[in-house]
Amino acid sequence: MFDNLTERLAGTFRKIAGKATLTENNIEEALREVRRGLLEADVALPVVKEFLDRVSLRAVGQEVTKSLTPSQAFIKVVQAELEAIMGSANAELDLKTTPPAIILMAGLQGAGKTTTVAKLSKFLQEQAKKSVMVVSADVYRPAAIQQLETLAKDVGVEFFASDNAQSPTEITAAAQAEAKRKLVDVLIVDTAGRLAIDEEMMNEIRALHDQLNPIETLFVVDAMTGQDAANTAKAFNNVLPLTGVVLTKADGDARGGAALSVRHITGKPIKFMGVGEKTDALEPFYPDRIASRILGMGDVLSLIEEAEKKVDKQKAERLAKKI
């Protein structure tokens, strides 16, 4: 993920490396390259514009400490703004409610929603030590219910049986009652996807939301659709109070436009990222780690942090002498 953008940014940093100071001219030149890289990565235009404005504002007139080169100072600004645009920290699931905590999954068909339900239930069971029940309210896609049943068996979580003759609201009401009876910590509800956003789909999922009052409503979206992923999430968020986004197929996305656009366009955090087909291939989304991955400069970032620590130490020593 982010391979193309990483390559483009590395070239930009090399160009600025030979400069003695950060000036408006050489920053402008560097930002042109960054802009090109972001657009190639399929980042949404409003996000690109805001990102560049913020980097420019912070970089021009940046006080370059004697321990940092202009290139390192610029990298530091770019890293900070990448983190800011994706969210300052990992947004954890909020499960603080009377059990069962209900997680409602929404998304278009083909985004990997059912697989994500299994991955998330495994994550909650193993990492958060929660008991989990899963249920499918998808009565339209052939074998959707059986698919979830098989996956639930694979990851060792409880499956609430349903069938196509029932309505989605009947299924979820019965599942909620059963989860309460069995004192299950978390109930994850898989819903039907469509090939496109339509009124019927929205009415159905809104009715489910009103009935269940879930503590988390997660939108599952394919990272490979780029900035379209962010626009689809926004359309869903307009009719459904989303609490977060799960990006799937991130391992197959060399551009990264979705990861950089979703938060800015929807105002909702990316909570998880699917990085493979196996049931354990789900990672919490950490903006700082993703920013480091985009920059492709783990060692350089460590050096910058070390240099800054030295500067802080020197400042502290000078202050101590004064006192």
Protein backbone atom coordinates (compact mmCIF):
# COMPACT_ATOMS: atom_id res chain seq x y z
CA MET A 1 0.00 0.00 0.00
CA PHE A 2 1.15 3.57 -0.75
CA ASP A 3 4.09 2.34 -2.90
CA ASN A 4 3.64 5.00 -5.61
CA LEU A 5 3.18 7.84 -3.14
CA THR A 6 6.18 6.71 -1.07
CA GLU A 7 8.35 6.74 -4.20
CA ARG A 8 7.16 10.21 -5.21
CA LEU A 9 7.73 11.66 -1.72
CA ALA A 10 11.22 10.12 -1.47
CA GLY A 11 12.17 11.94 -4.71
CA THR A 12 10.79 15.21 -3.31
CA PHE A 13 12.79 14.88 -0.08
CA ARG A 14 15.96 14.14 -2.07
CA LYS A 15 15.49 17.35 -4.04
CA ILE A 16 15.09 19.48 -0.93
CA ALA A 17 17.98 17.71 0.86
CA GLY A 18 20.64 19.89 -0.78
CA LYS A 19 19.05 23.20 0.26
CA ALA A 20 20.60 25.26 3.04
CA THR A 21 17.29 26.56 4.37
CA LEU A 22 13.56 26.10 3.89
CA THR A 23 12.35 29.02 1.77
CA GLU A 24 9.03 29.78 0.12
CA ASN A 25 10.50 28.95 -3.30
CA ASN A 26 12.00 25.55 -2.55
CA ILE A 27 8.95 24.55 -0.47
CA GLU A 28 6.66 25.52 -3.36
CA GLU A 29 8.71 23.34 -5.69
CA ALA A 30 8.56 20.41 -3.24
CA LEU A 31 4.81 20.83 -2.73
CA ARG A 32 4.20 20.64 -6.48
CA GLU A 33 5.76 17.17 -6.41
CA VAL A 34 3.79 16.18 -3.30
CA ARG A 35 0.57 17.37 -4.99
CA ARG A 36 1.33 15.24 -8.05
CA GLY A 37 1.99 12.23 -5.81
CA LEU A 38 -1.26 12.66 -3.87
CA LEU A 39 -3.34 13.01 -7.04
CA GLU A 40 -1.68 9.91 -8.53
CA ALA A 41 -2.58 8.10 -5.29
CA ASP A 42 -6.23 8.99 -6.01
CA VAL A 43 -6.59 11.23 -2.97
CA ALA A 44 -9.70 13.44 -3.16
CA LEU A 45 -8.99 16.98 -4.41
CA PRO A 46 -10.34 18.85 -1.32
CA VAL A 47 -8.08 16.69 0.86
CA VAL A 48 -5.04 17.43 -1.34
CA LYS A 49 -5.74 21.16 -1.21
CA GLU A 50 -6.14 21.31 2.57
CA PHE A 51 -3.10 19.09 3.14
CA LEU A 52 -0.84 21.25 0.95
CA ASP A 53 -2.12 24.50 2.52
CA ARG A 54 -1.35 23.19 6.00
CA VAL A 55 2.09 21.85 5.07
CA SER A 56 2.96 25.14 3.34
CA LEU A 57 1.80 27.20 6.31
CA ARG A 58 3.86 25.15 8.78
CA ALA A 59 6.96 24.70 6.61
CA VAL A 60 7.48 28.32 5.45
CA GLY A 61 9.44 30.11 8.11
CA GLN A 62 9.91 26.83 10.01
CA GLU A 63 12.68 27.27 12.54
CA VAL A 64 15.17 24.61 11.47
CA THR A 65 17.06 23.54 14.55
CA LYS A 66 20.79 23.08 14.15
CA SER A 67 20.42 19.31 14.60
CA LEU A 68 17.92 18.98 11.68
CA THR A 69 18.59 19.46 7.99
CA PRO A 70 15.98 21.38 5.94
CA SER A 71 14.97 18.07 4.39
CA GLN A 72 14.41 16.49 7.81
CA ALA A 73 12.45 19.52 9.00
CA PHE A 74 10.20 19.27 5.91
CA ILE A 75 9.71 15.49 6.43
CA LYS A 76 8.67 16.20 10.02
CA VAL A 77 5.99 18.69 8.87
CA VAL A 78 4.69 16.31 6.17
CA GLN A 79 4.50 13.47 8.70
CA ALA A 80 2.57 15.58 11.23
CA GLU A 81 0.05 16.68 8.60
CA LEU A 82 -0.40 13.15 7.23
CA GLU A 83 -1.29 12.03 10.75
CA ALA A 84 -3.63 14.99 11.23
CA ILE A 85 -5.54 14.27 8.02
CA MET A 86 -6.05 10.59 8.92
CA GLY A 87 -6.85 11.23 12.59
CA SER A 88 -4.46 11.88 15.44
CA ALA A 89 -4.69 8.41 17.03
CA ASN A 90 -6.27 4.99 16.68
CA ALA A 91 -10.02 5.28 17.30
CA GLU A 92 -10.95 2.23 19.34
CA LEU A 93 -14.36 0.57 19.34
CA ASP A 94 -16.65 1.90 22.03
CA LEU A 95 -18.19 -1.12 23.75
CA LYS A 96 -19.08 0.59 27.04
CA THR A 97 -22.76 -0.26 27.28
CA THR A 98 -25.07 -2.81 28.86
CA PRO A 99 -24.32 -6.12 27.08
CA PRO A 100 -24.77 -7.04 24.37
CA ALA A 101 -22.88 -4.16 22.73
CA ILE A 102 -24.28 -4.16 19.19
CA ILE A 103 -22.08 -3.50 16.15
CA LEU A 104 -24.01 -2.91 12.91
CA MET A 105 -22.03 -3.48 9.70
CA ALA A 106 -22.97 -1.57 6.54
CA GLY A 107 -21.49 -1.38 3.05
CA LEU A 108 -21.88 -2.13 -0.64
CA GLN A 109 -21.87 -5.64 -2.07
CA GLY A 110 -18.40 -7.00 -2.74
CA ALA A 111 -16.61 -4.84 -0.17
CA GLY A 112 -15.86 -7.87 2.03
CA LYS A 113 -18.43 -7.15 4.74
CA THR A 114 -19.18 -10.74 5.78
CA THR A 115 -15.48 -11.65 5.94
CA THR A 116 -14.88 -8.51 7.99
CA VAL A 117 -17.59 -9.60 10.48
CA ALA A 118 -15.63 -12.84 11.03
CA LYS A 119 -12.29 -11.01 11.30
CA LEU A 120 -13.71 -8.49 13.76
CA SER A 121 -15.34 -11.19 15.91
CA LYS A 122 -11.99 -13.05 16.07
CA PHE A 123 -10.19 -9.81 16.97
CA LEU A 124 -12.68 -9.02 19.77
CA GLN A 125 -12.54 -12.55 21.11
CA GLU A 126 -8.74 -12.81 21.12
CA GLN A 127 -7.59 -9.22 21.74
CA ALA A 128 -10.44 -7.76 23.82
CA LYS A 129 -11.39 -11.08 25.50
CA LYS A 130 -15.09 -10.61 24.64
CA SER A 131 -17.71 -13.28 24.00
CA VAL A 132 -19.16 -12.68 20.53
CA MET A 133 -22.30 -13.68 18.64
CA VAL A 134 -22.75 -12.99 14.92
CA VAL A 135 -25.96 -12.87 12.88
CA SER A 136 -26.73 -12.32 9.19
CA ALA A 137 -29.65 -10.08 8.24
CA ASP A 138 -28.80 -10.49 4.53
CA VAL A 139 -31.83 -12.32 3.14
CA TYR A 140 -31.11 -11.40 -0.49
CA ARG A 141 -27.68 -12.73 -1.43
CA PRO A 142 -27.75 -16.48 -2.03
CA ALA A 143 -25.75 -18.36 0.62
CA ALA A 144 -24.90 -15.17 2.59
CA ILE A 145 -26.23 -16.73 5.82
CA GLN A 146 -24.38 -20.01 5.21
CA GLN A 147 -21.17 -18.10 4.46
CA LEU A 148 -21.30 -16.34 7.82
CA GLU A 149 -22.15 -19.61 9.60
CA THR A 150 -19.05 -21.27 8.10
CA LEU A 151 -16.83 -18.31 9.01
CA ALA A 152 -18.23 -18.19 12.57
CA LYS A 153 -17.36 -21.86 12.99
CA ASP A 154 -13.83 -21.19 11.67
CA VAL A 155 -13.13 -18.42 14.18
CA GLY A 156 -14.98 -20.13 17.05
CA VAL A 157 -17.72 -17.58 17.79
CA GLU A 158 -21.41 -18.11 18.32
CA PHE A 159 -23.66 -17.97 15.25
CA PHE A 160 -27.35 -17.06 15.47
CA ALA A 161 -29.24 -19.02 12.81
CA SER A 162 -31.60 -17.18 10.46
CA ASP A 163 -33.23 -17.93 7.11
CA ASN A 164 -34.30 -16.10 3.96
CA ALA A 165 -38.02 -16.39 4.79
CA GLN A 166 -37.64 -13.98 7.73
CA SER A 167 -37.44 -10.20 7.53
CA PRO A 168 -34.16 -8.51 8.58
CA THR A 169 -35.91 -6.82 11.55
CA GLU A 170 -37.35 -10.17 12.77
CA ILE A 171 -33.91 -11.78 12.54
CA THR A 172 -32.09 -9.03 14.43
CA ALA A 173 -34.76 -8.74 17.16
CA ALA A 174 -34.52 -12.48 17.83
CA ALA A 175 -30.70 -12.36 17.78
CA GLN A 176 -30.65 -9.45 20.24
CA ALA A 177 -32.96 -11.33 22.63
CA GLU A 178 -30.83 -14.48 22.38
CA ALA A 179 -27.58 -12.53 22.97
CA LYS A 180 -29.14 -10.99 26.10
CA ARG A 181 -30.33 -14.38 27.34
CA LYS A 182 -26.86 -15.91 26.85
CA LEU A 183 -25.09 -12.87 28.39
CA VAL A 184 -22.99 -12.34 25.24
CA ASP A 185 -20.68 -9.29 25.35
CA VAL A 186 -20.90 -8.28 21.67
CA LEU A 187 -23.47 -8.95 18.93
CA ILE A 188 -22.24 -8.21 15.38
CA VAL A 189 -24.97 -7.78 12.76
CA ASP A 190 -24.11 -8.36 9.10
CA THR A 191 -26.47 -6.53 6.71
CA ALA A 192 -27.26 -6.82 3.02
CA GLY A 193 -25.09 -4.97 0.53
CA ARG A 194 -26.19 -3.61 -2.83
CA LEU A 195 -24.27 -2.87 -6.00
CA ALA A 196 -25.05 0.83 -5.53
CA ILE A 197 -26.64 3.05 -2.93
CA ASP A 198 -30.43 2.97 -3.35
CA GLU A 199 -33.42 4.15 -1.38
CA GLU A 200 -34.65 0.65 -0.54
CA MET A 201 -31.30 -0.32 0.92
CA MET A 202 -31.06 2.87 2.98
CA ASN A 203 -34.60 2.52 4.35
CA GLU A 204 -33.90 -1.06 5.40
CA ILE A 205 -30.61 -0.38 7.18
CA ARG A 206 -32.03 2.75 8.82
CA ALA A 207 -34.94 0.66 10.18
CA LEU A 208 -32.43 -1.87 11.56
CA HIS A 209 -30.44 0.95 13.15
CA ASP A 210 -33.55 2.45 14.77
CA GLN A 211 -34.57 -0.94 16.11
CA LEU A 212 -31.17 -2.04 17.45
CA ASN A 213 -29.70 1.32 18.51
CA PRO A 214 -26.16 -0.04 17.98
CA ILE A 215 -23.24 1.45 19.90
CA GLU A 216 -21.06 1.12 16.77
CA THR A 217 -22.16 1.44 13.13
CA LEU A 218 -19.21 0.58 10.90
CA PHE A 219 -19.05 1.22 7.17
CA VAL A 220 -17.02 -1.43 5.33
CA VAL A 221 -15.46 -0.19 2.10
CA ASP A 222 -12.97 -1.50 -0.47
CA ALA A 223 -9.72 0.51 -0.27
CA MET A 224 -9.02 -0.22 -3.93
CA THR A 225 -11.86 2.09 -5.00
CA GLY A 226 -9.70 5.07 -3.94
CA GLN A 227 -11.42 8.39 -3.31
CA ASP A 228 -14.74 6.79 -4.37
CA ALA A 229 -14.53 4.87 -1.09
CA ALA A 230 -14.62 8.17 0.82
CA ASN A 231 -17.51 9.52 -1.28
CA THR A 232 -19.56 6.32 -0.77
CA ALA A 233 -18.89 6.47 2.98
CA LYS A 234 -20.06 10.09 2.99
CA ALA A 235 -23.30 9.16 1.18
CA PHE A 236 -23.97 6.45 3.79
CA ASN A 237 -23.09 8.80 6.63
CA ASN A 238 -25.69 11.29 5.37
CA VAL A 239 -28.48 8.82 6.13
CA LEU A 240 -26.92 6.60 8.79
CA PRO A 241 -25.02 7.80 11.87
CA LEU A 242 -21.73 5.99 11.21
CA THR A 243 -19.20 5.74 14.03
CA GLY A 244 -16.28 4.55 11.93
CA VAL A 245 -14.95 2.96 8.75
CA VAL A 246 -13.23 -0.35 8.00
CA LEU A 247 -10.99 -0.34 4.91
CA THR A 248 -10.78 -3.77 3.27
CA LYS A 249 -8.31 -5.08 0.67
CA ALA A 250 -5.72 -2.52 1.81
CA ASP A 251 -2.97 -5.02 0.96
CA GLY A 252 -3.96 -4.92 -2.71
CA ASP A 253 -4.11 -1.10 -2.90
CA ALA A 254 -0.83 0.42 -4.11
CA ARG A 255 -2.21 3.97 -4.12
CA GLY A 256 -3.75 4.66 -0.70
CA GLY A 257 -6.22 7.36 -1.77
CA ALA A 258 -9.02 5.92 0.40
CA ALA A 259 -6.94 5.91 3.60
CA LEU A 260 -6.00 9.55 3.08
CA SER A 261 -9.47 10.75 2.03
CA VAL A 262 -12.01 8.97 4.26
CA ARG A 263 -11.48 10.86 7.53
CA HIS A 264 -11.47 14.31 5.91
CA ILE A 265 -14.53 13.71 3.72
CA THR A 266 -16.72 11.83 6.22
CA GLY A 267 -15.41 13.20 9.52
CA LYS A 268 -15.43 9.56 10.70
CA PRO A 269 -12.30 7.69 11.79
CA ILE A 270 -10.90 4.62 10.07
CA LYS A 271 -10.99 2.06 12.88
CA PHE A 272 -9.64 -1.04 11.14
CA MET A 273 -7.86 -2.09 7.98
CA GLY A 274 -8.19 -5.49 6.27
CA VAL A 275 -4.76 -6.64 5.07
CA GLY A 276 -5.39 -10.10 3.64
CA GLU A 277 -7.92 -12.87 3.20
CA LYS A 278 -7.20 -14.85 6.39
CA THR A 279 -9.46 -14.32 9.41
CA ASP A 280 -6.62 -12.79 11.44
CA ALA A 281 -5.76 -10.25 8.71
CA LEU A 282 -7.42 -7.26 10.42
CA GLU A 283 -5.36 -4.46 11.96
CA PRO A 284 -6.41 -1.47 14.07
CA PHE A 285 -5.73 1.68 12.01
CA TYR A 286 -2.89 3.76 13.51
CA PRO A 287 -2.43 7.08 11.63
CA ASP A 288 1.14 7.58 12.94
CA ARG A 289 2.25 4.13 11.72
CA ILE A 290 0.52 4.66 8.38
CA ALA A 291 2.23 8.07 8.01
CA SER A 292 5.61 6.41 8.66
CA ARG A 293 4.77 3.74 6.09
CA ILE A 294 3.82 6.37 3.50
CA LEU A 295 7.05 8.26 4.10
CA GLY A 296 8.96 4.98 3.89
CA MET A 297 11.53 6.46 6.24
CA GLY A 298 11.38 4.67 9.56
CA ASP A 299 15.10 5.21 10.19
CA VAL A 300 15.04 8.88 9.22
CA LEU A 301 12.03 9.54 11.47
CA SER A 302 13.87 7.88 14.37
CA LEU A 303 16.91 10.10 13.70
CA ILE A 304 14.69 13.20 13.67
CA GLU A 305 13.13 12.22 17.00
CA GLU A 306 16.60 11.58 18.45
CA ALA A 307 17.85 14.96 17.20
CA GLU A 308 14.85 16.74 18.72
CA LYS A 309 15.39 15.02 22.06
CA LYS A 310 19.00 16.29 22.06
CA VAL A 311 17.82 19.83 21.34
CA ASP A 312 15.28 19.63 24.17
CA LYS A 313 17.99 18.30 26.48
CA GLN A 314 20.35 21.15 25.54
CA LYS A 315 17.57 23.71 26.13
CA ALA A 316 16.86 22.15 29.54
CA GLU A 317 20.55 22.24 30.48
CA ARG A 318 20.87 25.91 29.49
CA LEU A 319 17.74 26.74 31.50
CA ALA A 320 19.10 24.84 34.52
CA LYS A 321 22.35 26.83 34.33
CA LYS A 322 20.41 30.10 34.19
CA ILE A 323 18.37 29.11 37.24
